[in-house]
Amino acid sequence: MAQEYREFPNGIPTRHSIGRIIRGVKAESVLECFEQWVNTIRVEGEQIAFDGKVIRGSGNGTSLNPLQLISAMVVDSGLILYQQEVSDKTNEIPVMQSMLQQLSVKEAIITADAMHCQTHTAEIIRAEDADYMLQVKDSQRHLCKEISAFFHNTYWDSPKVLTERHFEEIEKAHGRINERNHRLLPITD
């Protein structure tokens, strides 16, 4: 069957020979080739979502810590660009920051949950010439107040900016109704 695709003058390699070849390949080389290939099929302006998950069933037993991974995924294609384990001695924040510096995220839109709404994370994203959309929750009181004040001032100074580019999204997921309001505002640096 293998001879349909290629001639093997000395016979088809045994599984032991194939195993020796695979063991000789350096993992770093494979990852580098994969990264180069992935970058050839990516497009400008894509959304890359960073999300952490605990692998179900990986922490069974009292002495085992569950495996926690953070992934970087291109939303439109579902392509996982990078996945890294989060050590039980740290959290997702420094892992995502190191992933951002290793990935090519130029001109992408980076999304992540509220945990990653950090000044240093935003600085890394901007340094990589990308944009970001990070969630803010009420637990970040000072930032929430600043955002509310910004929208309040914008509403009084130029209300047309808020109504022209406003998007509302309502969806039912995981037994709850999620309502999202998006406003695209001009960036002022």
Protein backbone atom coordinates (compact mmCIF):
# COMPACT_ATOMS: atom_id res chain seq x y z
CA MET A 1 0.00 0.00 0.00
CA ALA A 2 2.81 2.45 0.88
CA GLN A 3 4.50 1.60 -2.41
CA GLU A 4 1.61 3.30 -4.24
CA TYR A 5 2.99 6.67 -3.17
CA ARG A 6 6.74 6.04 -3.18
CA GLU A 7 9.14 3.36 -4.26
CA PHE A 8 11.01 1.59 -1.48
CA PRO A 9 13.92 -0.25 -3.16
CA ASN A 10 15.08 -1.71 0.19
CA GLY A 11 11.56 -2.51 1.38
CA ILE A 12 9.08 -0.62 3.54
CA PRO A 13 10.68 0.73 6.76
CA THR A 14 9.76 -1.14 9.90
CA ARG A 15 7.99 0.58 12.79
CA HIS A 16 11.31 0.55 14.65
CA SER A 17 13.02 2.48 11.84
CA ILE A 18 10.18 4.99 11.70
CA GLY A 19 10.38 5.37 15.50
CA ARG A 20 14.13 6.11 15.32
CA ILE A 21 13.50 8.79 12.67
CA ILE A 22 10.75 10.43 14.72
CA ARG A 23 12.88 10.37 17.91
CA GLY A 24 15.65 12.14 15.97
CA VAL A 25 13.42 15.09 15.08
CA LYS A 26 13.81 18.01 17.48
CA ALA A 27 10.51 19.31 18.89
CA GLU A 28 11.70 22.93 18.52
CA SER A 29 12.18 22.39 14.76
CA VAL A 30 8.67 21.00 14.36
CA LEU A 31 7.19 23.91 16.35
CA GLU A 32 9.15 26.45 14.30
CA CYS A 33 7.95 24.90 11.03
CA PHE A 34 4.38 24.80 12.32
CA GLU A 35 4.54 28.48 13.35
CA GLN A 36 5.88 29.48 9.92
CA TRP A 37 3.13 27.52 8.16
CA VAL A 38 0.40 28.95 10.41
CA ASN A 39 1.58 32.49 9.72
CA THR A 40 1.24 31.91 5.95
CA ILE A 41 -2.49 31.11 6.26
CA ARG A 42 -3.39 33.91 8.69
CA VAL A 43 -5.01 37.18 7.62
CA GLU A 44 -4.68 40.77 8.81
CA GLY A 45 -7.18 42.04 11.34
CA GLU A 46 -8.09 38.60 12.65
CA GLN A 47 -9.47 38.17 16.14
CA ILE A 48 -7.28 36.10 18.45
CA ALA A 49 -9.04 34.97 21.62
CA PHE A 50 -7.02 34.02 24.69
CA ASP A 51 -8.82 31.73 27.10
CA GLY A 52 -7.80 29.52 29.98
CA LYS A 53 -9.39 26.20 30.84
CA VAL A 54 -8.91 23.53 33.47
CA ILE A 55 -8.88 20.10 31.83
CA ARG A 56 -11.74 18.06 33.24
CA GLY A 57 -10.71 14.93 35.10
CA SER A 58 -7.02 15.86 35.17
CA GLY A 59 -7.01 16.57 38.90
CA ASN A 60 -8.67 13.42 40.19
CA GLY A 61 -7.29 12.42 43.54
CA THR A 62 -6.20 14.53 46.44
CA SER A 63 -2.51 14.83 45.52
CA LEU A 64 -2.95 15.86 41.87
CA ASN A 65 -3.37 19.44 40.73
CA PRO A 66 -5.64 19.74 37.68
CA LEU A 67 -4.00 20.63 34.38
CA GLN A 68 -4.73 24.22 33.40
CA LEU A 69 -4.04 25.45 29.85
CA ILE A 70 -4.31 28.82 28.16
CA SER A 71 -4.94 28.88 24.43
CA ALA A 72 -4.66 31.47 21.68
CA MET A 73 -7.25 30.77 18.99
CA VAL A 74 -8.09 32.52 15.71
CA VAL A 75 -11.84 32.99 16.14
CA ASP A 76 -12.94 32.86 12.48
CA SER A 77 -11.08 29.68 11.55
CA GLY A 78 -10.94 27.96 14.96
CA LEU A 79 -7.18 27.50 14.51
CA ILE A 80 -5.31 27.12 17.80
CA LEU A 81 -2.12 29.16 17.40
CA TYR A 82 -0.56 28.37 20.72
CA GLN A 83 -1.39 26.51 23.90
CA GLN A 84 0.61 26.60 27.10
CA GLU A 85 0.30 25.05 30.53
CA VAL A 86 -0.30 27.38 33.46
CA SER A 87 1.89 26.33 36.37
CA ASP A 88 0.14 25.87 39.71
CA LYS A 89 2.64 28.41 41.12
CA THR A 90 1.37 31.23 38.88
CA ASN A 91 -1.80 32.35 37.10
CA GLU A 92 -2.83 33.04 33.51
CA ILE A 93 -1.68 36.67 33.41
CA PRO A 94 2.12 36.19 33.00
CA VAL A 95 1.55 33.17 30.73
CA MET A 96 -0.62 35.20 28.34
CA GLN A 97 1.91 38.04 28.40
CA SER A 98 4.74 35.68 27.39
CA MET A 99 2.54 34.10 24.70
CA LEU A 100 1.82 37.54 23.23
CA GLN A 101 5.55 38.19 22.93
CA GLN A 102 6.16 34.83 21.23
CA LEU A 103 3.25 34.94 18.76
CA SER A 104 2.99 37.12 15.71
CA VAL A 105 -0.08 39.24 16.56
CA LYS A 106 0.60 42.27 14.35
CA GLU A 107 -2.64 43.99 13.28
CA ALA A 108 -4.75 41.40 15.10
CA ILE A 109 -7.52 42.12 17.60
CA ILE A 110 -6.74 40.42 20.90
CA THR A 111 -9.63 39.45 23.17
CA ALA A 112 -9.45 38.05 26.68
CA ASP A 113 -11.53 37.93 29.83
CA ALA A 114 -11.48 40.46 32.68
CA MET A 115 -8.53 38.80 34.42
CA HIS A 116 -6.28 40.06 31.60
CA CYS A 117 -7.42 43.67 31.83
CA GLN A 118 -3.95 44.68 32.99
CA THR A 119 -1.89 47.74 32.05
CA HIS A 120 1.19 45.64 31.25
CA THR A 121 -0.82 43.27 29.02
CA ALA A 122 -2.25 46.23 27.07
CA GLU A 123 1.27 47.69 26.69
CA ILE A 124 2.58 44.41 25.27
CA ILE A 125 -0.31 44.20 22.79
CA ARG A 126 0.23 47.79 21.60
CA ALA A 127 4.01 47.19 21.33
CA GLU A 128 3.25 44.23 19.05
CA ASP A 129 1.19 46.62 16.83
CA ALA A 130 -2.12 44.96 17.65
CA ASP A 131 -5.42 46.12 19.13
CA TYR A 132 -7.32 44.70 22.06
CA MET A 133 -10.78 44.31 23.52
CA LEU A 134 -10.62 43.32 27.17
CA GLN A 135 -13.53 42.87 29.55
CA VAL A 136 -13.93 45.05 32.61
CA LYS A 137 -15.94 43.88 35.61
CA ASP A 138 -17.29 45.69 38.64
CA SER A 139 -14.49 44.22 40.75
CA GLN A 140 -12.16 46.72 39.03
CA ARG A 141 -13.86 49.69 40.72
CA HIS A 142 -11.48 52.48 39.73
CA LEU A 143 -11.36 51.46 36.08
CA CYS A 144 -15.16 51.06 35.96
CA LYS A 145 -15.58 54.57 37.38
CA GLU A 146 -13.16 56.01 34.81
CA ILE A 147 -15.01 54.28 31.96
CA SER A 148 -18.38 55.49 33.28
CA ALA A 149 -17.03 59.04 33.56
CA PHE A 150 -15.68 58.84 30.01
CA PHE A 151 -19.05 57.76 28.62
CA HIS A 152 -20.84 60.35 30.72
CA ASN A 153 -18.61 63.14 29.37
CA THR A 154 -18.86 61.83 25.81
CA TYR A 155 -22.65 61.66 26.12
CA TRP A 156 -22.80 65.36 27.06
CA ASP A 157 -20.01 66.61 24.77
CA SER A 158 -20.78 64.64 21.58
CA PRO A 159 -23.72 62.22 21.94
CA LYS A 160 -23.72 61.43 18.22
CA VAL A 161 -20.45 59.51 18.64
CA LEU A 162 -22.17 57.09 21.03
CA THR A 163 -25.31 56.50 18.96
CA GLU A 164 -23.74 56.22 15.49
CA ARG A 165 -21.54 53.20 16.16
CA HIS A 166 -23.53 51.28 18.75
CA PHE A 167 -24.11 47.53 18.50
CA GLU A 168 -26.29 45.44 20.75
CA GLU A 169 -26.08 41.67 21.01
CA ILE A 170 -28.35 39.35 23.01
CA GLU A 171 -27.72 35.62 23.18
CA LYS A 172 -28.75 32.69 25.30
CA ALA A 173 -25.87 30.47 26.37
CA HIS A 174 -25.20 28.09 29.26
CA GLY A 175 -28.65 28.64 30.73
CA ARG A 176 -28.42 32.42 30.92
CA ILE A 177 -29.09 35.42 28.72
CA ASN A 178 -26.05 37.52 27.84
CA GLU A 179 -26.60 41.09 26.73
CA ARG A 180 -23.66 42.98 25.26
CA ASN A 181 -23.48 46.59 24.15
CA HIS A 182 -20.56 47.63 21.99
CA ARG A 183 -19.60 51.15 21.12
CA LEU A 184 -16.78 51.83 18.69
CA LEU A 185 -15.15 55.07 19.66
CA PRO A 186 -12.41 57.00 17.94
CA ILE A 187 -9.02 56.33 19.48
CA THR A 188 -7.19 59.31 20.90
CA ASP A 189 -3.56 58.67 21.85
